[in-house]
């Protein structure tokens, strides 16, 4: 029977940064195989934020007065 390893974190930190040796694997031992688990690093990065302009654009009317334009 072929087994599937399960991967997990060994820490609970959520701040942006690199965490060394915090990824590991669990597996069901089988005497037919020699298994070595090498721990891995986890890197959490900040996603770029988007700036939203919530004010509608303003255009000059024919007589020079300001008027609002509908958002598309």
PDB file of N, CA and C in Angstrom:
ATOM      1  N   UNK A   1       0.837  -1.175   0.000  1.00  0.00           N
ATOM      2  CA  UNK A   1       0.000   0.000   0.000  1.00  0.00           C
ATOM      3  C   UNK A   1       0.890   1.249   0.000  1.00  0.00           C
ATOM      4  N   UNK A   2       0.593   2.209  -0.857  1.00  0.00           N
ATOM      5  CA  UNK A   2       1.342   3.462  -0.907  1.00  0.00           C
ATOM      6  C   UNK A   2       0.733   4.430   0.091  1.00  0.00           C
ATOM      7  N   UNK A   3       1.581   5.021   0.922  1.00  0.00           N
ATOM      8  CA  UNK A   3       1.106   5.965   1.929  1.00  0.00           C
ATOM      9  C   UNK A   3       1.361   7.373   1.454  1.00  0.00           C
ATOM     10  N   UNK A   4       0.589   8.297   1.986  1.00  0.00           N
ATOM     11  CA  UNK A   4       0.772   9.707   1.661  1.00  0.00           C
ATOM     12  C   UNK A   4       1.204  10.439   2.915  1.00  0.00           C
ATOM     13  N   UNK A   5       2.320  11.164   2.843  1.00  0.00           N
ATOM     14  CA  UNK A   5       2.738  11.939   4.013  1.00  0.00           C
ATOM     15  C   UNK A   5       1.803  13.124   4.221  1.00  0.00           C
ATOM     16  N   UNK A   6       1.724  13.599   5.436  1.00  0.00           N
ATOM     17  CA  UNK A   6       0.971  14.826   5.710  1.00  0.00           C
ATOM     18  C   UNK A   6       1.979  15.871   6.186  1.00  0.00           C
ATOM     19  N   UNK A   7       1.816  17.074   5.687  1.00  0.00           N
ATOM     20  CA  UNK A   7       2.748  18.151   5.998  1.00  0.00           C
ATOM     21  C   UNK A   7       2.111  19.104   6.994  1.00  0.00           C
ATOM     22  N   UNK A   8       2.938  19.650   7.900  1.00  0.00           N
ATOM     23  CA  UNK A   8       2.401  20.558   8.903  1.00  0.00           C
ATOM     24  C   UNK A   8       3.460  21.559   9.337  1.00  0.00           C
ATOM     25  N   UNK A   9       2.977  22.621   9.978  1.00  0.00           N
ATOM     26  CA  UNK A   9       3.846  23.639  10.581  1.00  0.00           C
ATOM     27  C   UNK A   9       4.053  23.288  12.037  1.00  0.00           C
ATOM     28  N   UNK A  10       5.204  23.644  12.550  1.00  0.00           N
ATOM     29  CA  UNK A  10       5.466  23.411  13.964  1.00  0.00           C
ATOM     30  C   UNK A  10       5.415  24.704  14.762  1.00  0.00           C
ATOM     31  N   UNK A  11       5.076  25.819  14.118  1.00  0.00           N
ATOM     32  CA  UNK A  11       4.943  27.093  14.832  1.00  0.00           C
ATOM     33  C   UNK A  11       3.579  27.698  14.523  1.00  0.00           C
ATOM     34  N   UNK A  12       3.212  28.729  15.255  1.00  0.00           N
ATOM     35  CA  UNK A  12       1.917  29.380  15.035  1.00  0.00           C
ATOM     36  C   UNK A  12       2.068  30.858  14.702  1.00  0.00           C
ATOM     37  N   UNK A  13       3.305  31.328  14.501  1.00  0.00           N
ATOM     38  CA  UNK A  13       3.534  32.741  14.191  1.00  0.00           C
ATOM     39  C   UNK A  13       2.861  33.113  12.877  1.00  0.00           C
ATOM     40  N   UNK A  14       2.324  34.342  12.829  1.00  0.00           N
ATOM     41  CA  UNK A  14       1.662  34.818  11.617  1.00  0.00           C
ATOM     42  C   UNK A  14       2.247  36.118  11.091  1.00  0.00           C
ATOM     43  N   UNK A  15       3.270  36.635  11.757  1.00  0.00           N
ATOM     44  CA  UNK A  15       3.893  37.885  11.321  1.00  0.00           C
ATOM     45  C   UNK A  15       4.721  37.634  10.060  1.00  0.00           C
ATOM     46  N   UNK A  16       4.862  38.669   9.249  1.00  0.00           N
ATOM     47  CA  UNK A  16       5.684  38.582   8.042  1.00  0.00           C
ATOM     48  C   UNK A  16       7.110  38.239   8.443  1.00  0.00           C
ATOM     49  N   UNK A  17       7.715  37.303   7.729  1.00  0.00           N
ATOM     50  CA  UNK A  17       9.098  36.924   8.023  1.00  0.00           C
ATOM     51  C   UNK A  17       9.396  35.510   7.570  1.00  0.00           C
ATOM     52  N   UNK A  18      10.624  35.091   7.792  1.00  0.00           N
ATOM     53  CA  UNK A  18      11.063  33.738   7.447  1.00  0.00           C
ATOM     54  C   UNK A  18      11.251  32.942   8.727  1.00  0.00           C
ATOM     55  N   UNK A  19      10.654  31.782   8.765  1.00  0.00           N
ATOM     56  CA  UNK A  19      10.729  30.897   9.926  1.00  0.00           C
ATOM     57  C   UNK A  19      11.497  29.641   9.510  1.00  0.00           C
ATOM     58  N   UNK A  20      12.611  29.415  10.175  1.00  0.00           N
ATOM     59  CA  UNK A  20      13.520  28.326   9.822  1.00  0.00           C
ATOM     60  C   UNK A  20      13.097  27.012  10.476  1.00  0.00           C
ATOM     61  N   UNK A  21      13.128  25.957   9.675  1.00  0.00           N
ATOM     62  CA  UNK A  21      12.870  24.582  10.156  1.00  0.00           C
ATOM     63  C   UNK A  21      11.519  24.417  10.847  1.00  0.00           C
ATOM     64  N   UNK A  22      10.473  25.014  10.309  1.00  0.00           N
ATOM     65  CA  UNK A  22       9.143  24.897  10.927  1.00  0.00           C
ATOM     66  C   UNK A  22       8.179  24.051  10.102  1.00  0.00           C
ATOM     67  N   UNK A  23       8.597  23.572   8.943  1.00  0.00           N
ATOM     68  CA  UNK A  23       7.754  22.684   8.137  1.00  0.00           C
ATOM     69  C   UNK A  23       8.276  21.268   8.279  1.00  0.00           C
ATOM     70  N   UNK A  24       7.369  20.337   8.540  1.00  0.00           N
ATOM     71  CA  UNK A  24       7.764  18.951   8.726  1.00  0.00           C
ATOM     72  C   UNK A  24       6.711  18.033   8.109  1.00  0.00           C
ATOM     73  N   UNK A  25       6.949  16.748   8.157  1.00  0.00           N
ATOM     74  CA  UNK A  25       6.013  15.784   7.595  1.00  0.00           C
ATOM     75  C   UNK A  25       5.806  14.633   8.573  1.00  0.00           C
ATOM     76  N   UNK A  26       4.585  14.145   8.613  1.00  0.00           N
ATOM     77  CA  UNK A  26       4.260  12.928   9.352  1.00  0.00           C
ATOM     78  C   UNK A  26       4.007  11.834   8.323  1.00  0.00           C
ATOM     79  N   UNK A  27       4.330  10.625   8.685  1.00  0.00           N
ATOM     80  CA  UNK A  27       4.134   9.504   7.756  1.00  0.00           C
ATOM     81  C   UNK A  27       3.915   8.231   8.551  1.00  0.00           C
ATOM     82  N   UNK A  28       3.359   7.259   7.884  1.00  0.00           N
ATOM     83  CA  UNK A  28       3.168   5.952   8.503  1.00  0.00           C
ATOM     84  C   UNK A  28       4.401   5.109   8.206  1.00  0.00           C
ATOM     85  N   UNK A  29       5.090   4.685   9.257  1.00  0.00           N
ATOM     86  CA  UNK A  29       6.326   3.920   9.082  1.00  0.00           C
ATOM     87  C   UNK A  29       6.059   2.613   8.334  1.00  0.00           C
ATOM     88  N   UNK A  30       7.018   2.232   7.496  1.00  0.00           N
ATOM     89  CA  UNK A  30       6.919   1.002   6.719  1.00  0.00           C
ATOM     90  C   UNK A  30       8.318   0.387   6.691  1.00  0.00           C
ATOM     91  N   UNK A  31       8.428  -0.855   7.089  1.00  0.00           N
ATOM     92  CA  UNK A  31       9.745  -1.502   7.164  1.00  0.00           C
ATOM     93  C   UNK A  31      10.397  -1.680   5.794  1.00  0.00           C
ATOM     94  N   UNK A  32       9.660  -1.494   4.720  1.00  0.00           N
ATOM     95  CA  UNK A  32      10.227  -1.617   3.372  1.00  0.00           C
ATOM     96  C   UNK A  32      10.979  -0.364   2.930  1.00  0.00           C
ATOM     97  N   UNK A  33      10.871   0.718   3.695  1.00  0.00           N
ATOM     98  CA  UNK A  33      11.472   1.996   3.288  1.00  0.00           C
ATOM     99  C   UNK A  33      12.228   2.628   4.443  1.00  0.00           C
ATOM    100  N   UNK A  34      13.305   3.298   4.116  1.00  0.00           N
ATOM    101  CA  UNK A  34      14.004   4.168   5.067  1.00  0.00           C
ATOM    102  C   UNK A  34      13.587   5.589   4.715  1.00  0.00           C
ATOM    103  N   UNK A  35      12.969   6.264   5.658  1.00  0.00           N
ATOM    104  CA  UNK A  35      12.463   7.613   5.418  1.00  0.00           C
ATOM    105  C   UNK A  35      13.189   8.598   6.315  1.00  0.00           C
ATOM    106  N   UNK A  36      13.629   9.689   5.711  1.00  0.00           N
ATOM    107  CA  UNK A  36      14.225  10.790   6.463  1.00  0.00           C
ATOM    108  C   UNK A  36      13.424  12.043   6.156  1.00  0.00           C
ATOM    109  N   UNK A  37      12.961  12.718   7.185  1.00  0.00           N
ATOM    110  CA  UNK A  37      12.214  13.962   7.008  1.00  0.00           C
ATOM    111  C   UNK A  37      13.180  15.121   7.215  1.00  0.00           C
ATOM    112  N   UNK A  38      13.305  15.956   6.195  1.00  0.00           N
ATOM    113  CA  UNK A  38      14.135  17.162   6.296  1.00  0.00           C
ATOM    114  C   UNK A  38      13.199  18.346   6.510  1.00  0.00           C
ATOM    115  N   UNK A  39      13.377  19.054   7.617  1.00  0.00           N
ATOM    116  CA  UNK A  39      12.510  20.196   7.915  1.00  0.00           C
ATOM    117  C   UNK A  39      12.749  21.318   6.915  1.00  0.00           C
ATOM    118  N   UNK A  40      11.691  22.074   6.668  1.00  0.00           N
ATOM    119  CA  UNK A  40      11.778  23.168   5.712  1.00  0.00           C
ATOM    120  C   UNK A  40      11.472  24.514   6.335  1.00  0.00           C
ATOM    121  N   UNK A  41      11.793  25.565   5.596  1.00  0.00           N
ATOM    122  CA  UNK A  41      11.551  26.936   6.048  1.00  0.00           C
ATOM    123  C   UNK A  41      10.222  27.436   5.491  1.00  0.00           C
ATOM    124  N   UNK A  42       9.604  28.341   6.227  1.00  0.00           N
ATOM    125  CA  UNK A  42       8.353  28.971   5.820  1.00  0.00           C
ATOM    126  C   UNK A  42       8.585  30.467   5.712  1.00  0.00           C
ATOM    127  N   UNK A  43       8.203  31.044   4.565  1.00  0.00           N
ATOM    128  CA  UNK A  43       8.356  32.489   4.379  1.00  0.00           C
ATOM    129  C   UNK A  43       6.977  33.094   4.189  1.00  0.00           C
ATOM    130  N   UNK A  44       6.591  34.011   5.083  1.00  0.00           N
ATOM    131  CA  UNK A  44       5.324  34.724   4.980  1.00  0.00           C
ATOM    132  C   UNK A  44       5.625  36.126   4.477  1.00  0.00           C
ATOM    133  N   UNK A  45       4.931  36.509   3.389  1.00  0.00           N
ATOM    134  CA  UNK A  45       5.161  37.823   2.792  1.00  0.00           C
ATOM    135  C   UNK A  45       3.892  38.649   2.840  1.00  0.00           C
ATOM    136  N   UNK A  46       4.069  39.944   2.883  1.00  0.00           N
ATOM    137  CA  UNK A  46       2.944  40.876   2.866  1.00  0.00           C
ATOM    138  C   UNK A  46       2.486  41.047   1.415  1.00  0.00           C
ATOM    139  N   UNK A  47       1.191  40.980   1.206  1.00  0.00           N
ATOM    140  CA  UNK A  47       0.644  41.238  -0.117  1.00  0.00           C
ATOM    141  C   UNK A  47       0.625  42.739  -0.366  1.00  0.00           C
ATOM    142  N   UNK A  48       0.858  43.146  -1.618  1.00  0.00           N
ATOM    143  CA  UNK A  48       0.779  44.584  -1.888  1.00  0.00           C
ATOM    144  C   UNK A  48      -0.645  45.071  -1.693  1.00  0.00           C
ATOM    145  N   UNK A  49      -0.790  46.246  -1.098  1.00  0.00           N
ATOM    146  CA  UNK A  49      -2.131  46.789  -0.891  1.00  0.00           C
ATOM    147  C   UNK A  49      -2.512  47.653  -2.082  1.00  0.00           C
ATOM    148  N   UNK A  50      -3.801  47.793  -2.292  1.00  0.00           N
ATOM    149  CA  UNK A  50      -4.309  48.616  -3.381  1.00  0.00           C
ATOM    150  C   UNK A  50      -4.943  49.864  -2.784  1.00  0.00           C
ATOM    151  N   UNK A  51      -4.714  50.996  -3.429  1.00  0.00           N
ATOM    152  CA  UNK A  51      -5.298  52.245  -2.981  1.00  0.00           C
ATOM    153  C   UNK A  51      -6.573  52.474  -3.788  1.00  0.00           C
ATOM    154  N   UNK A  52      -7.655  52.678  -3.085  1.00  0.00           N
ATOM    155  CA  UNK A  52      -8.939  52.918  -3.750  1.00  0.00           C
ATOM    156  C   UNK A  52      -9.295  54.388  -3.647  1.00  0.00           C
ATOM    157  N   UNK A  53      -9.684  54.976  -4.755  1.00  0.00           N
ATOM    158  CA  UNK A  53     -10.157  56.356  -4.765  1.00  0.00           C
ATOM    159  C   UNK A  53     -11.677  56.288  -4.708  1.00  0.00           C
ATOM    160  N   UNK A  54     -12.249  56.658  -3.578  1.00  0.00           N
ATOM    161  CA  UNK A  54     -13.693  56.532  -3.397  1.00  0.00           C
ATOM    162  C   UNK A  54     -14.456  57.784  -3.818  1.00  0.00           C
ATOM    163  N   UNK A  55     -13.750  58.842  -4.201  1.00  0.00           N
ATOM    164  CA  UNK A  55     -14.423  60.061  -4.654  1.00  0.00           C
ATOM    165  C   UNK A  55     -14.665  59.977  -6.152  1.00  0.00           C
ATOM    166  N   UNK A  56     -15.845  60.380  -6.609  1.00  0.00           N
ATOM    167  CA  UNK A  56     -16.102  60.347  -8.052  1.00  0.00           C
ATOM    168  C   UNK A  56     -15.265  61.421  -8.748  1.00  0.00           C
ATOM    169  N   UNK A  57     -14.875  61.183  -9.993  1.00  0.00           N
ATOM    170  CA  UNK A  57     -14.104  62.191 -10.720  1.00  0.00           C
ATOM    171  C   UNK A  57     -14.947  63.436 -10.962  1.00  0.00           C
ATOM    172  N   UNK A  58     -14.294  64.584 -11.016  1.00  0.00           N
ATOM    173  CA  UNK A  58     -14.984  65.856 -11.246  1.00  0.00           C
ATOM    174  C   UNK A  58     -14.533  66.411 -12.589  1.00  0.00           C
ATOM    175  N   UNK A  59     -15.494  66.815 -13.398  1.00  0.00           N
ATOM    176  CA  UNK A  59     -15.192  67.405 -14.705  1.00  0.00           C
ATOM    177  C   UNK A  59     -15.754  68.816 -14.743  1.00  0.00           C
ATOM    178  N   UNK A  60     -15.159  69.647 -15.557  1.00  0.00           N
ATOM    179  CA  UNK A  60     -15.668  71.012 -15.722  1.00  0.00           C
ATOM    180  C   UNK A  60     -16.823  70.988 -16.707  1.00  0.00           C
ATOM    181  N   UNK A  61     -17.910  71.686 -16.368  1.00  0.00           N
ATOM    182  CA  UNK A  61     -19.050  71.797 -17.272  1.00  0.00           C
ATOM    183  C   UNK A  61     -18.756  72.791 -18.392  1.00  0.00           C
ATOM    184  N   UNK A  62     -19.673  72.937 -19.325  1.00  0.00           N
ATOM    185  CA  UNK A  62     -19.453  73.827 -20.459  1.00  0.00           C
ATOM    186  C   UNK A  62     -19.271  75.282 -20.019  1.00  0.00           C
ATOM    187  N   UNK A  63     -19.926  75.673 -18.940  1.00  0.00           N
ATOM    188  CA  UNK A  63     -19.803  77.047 -18.483  1.00  0.00           C
ATOM    189  C   UNK A  63     -18.684  77.206 -17.453  1.00  0.00           C
ATOM    190  N   UNK A  64     -17.857  76.152 -17.250  1.00  0.00           N
ATOM    191  CA  UNK A  64     -16.732  76.226 -16.321  1.00  0.00           C
ATOM    192  C   UNK A  64     -17.058  75.758 -14.921  1.00  0.00           C
ATOM    193  N   UNK A  65     -18.353  75.518 -14.624  1.00  0.00           N
ATOM    194  CA  UNK A  65     -18.690  75.036 -13.285  1.00  0.00           C
ATOM    195  C   UNK A  65     -18.368  73.554 -13.173  1.00  0.00           C
ATOM    196  N   UNK A  66     -18.056  73.118 -11.948  1.00  0.00           N
ATOM    197  CA  UNK A  66     -17.714  71.702 -11.737  1.00  0.00           C
ATOM    198  C   UNK A  66     -18.966  70.861 -11.725  1.00  0.00           C
ATOM    199  N   UNK A  67     -18.857  69.666 -12.262  1.00  0.00           N
ATOM    200  CA  UNK A  67     -19.958  68.707 -12.196  1.00  0.00           C
ATOM    201  C   UNK A  67     -19.357  67.322 -11.996  1.00  0.00           C
ATOM    202  N   UNK A  68     -20.110  66.446 -11.385  1.00  0.00           N
ATOM    203  CA  UNK A  68     -19.632  65.094 -11.145  1.00  0.00           C
ATOM    204  C   UNK A  68     -19.875  64.223 -12.368  1.00  0.00           C
ATOM    205  N   UNK A  69     -18.953  63.330 -12.597  1.00  0.00           N
ATOM    206  CA  UNK A  69     -19.114  62.365 -13.687  1.00  0.00           C
ATOM    207  C   UNK A  69     -19.462  61.021 -13.090  1.00  0.00           C
ATOM    208  N   UNK A  70     -20.263  60.250 -13.769  1.00  0.00           N
ATOM    209  CA  UNK A  70     -20.645  58.911 -13.279  1.00  0.00           C
ATOM    210  C   UNK A  70     -19.444  57.982 -13.424  1.00  0.00           C
ATOM    211  N   UNK A  71     -19.281  57.124 -12.426  1.00  0.00           N
ATOM    212  CA  UNK A  71     -18.204  56.130 -12.478  1.00  0.00           C
ATOM    213  C   UNK A  71     -18.571  55.054 -13.471  1.00  0.00           C
ATOM    214  N   UNK A  72     -17.568  54.545 -14.168  1.00  0.00           N
ATOM    215  CA  UNK A  72     -17.816  53.486 -15.164  1.00  0.00           C
ATOM    216  C   UNK A  72     -17.660  52.142 -14.530  1.00  0.00           C
TER     217      UNK A  72
END
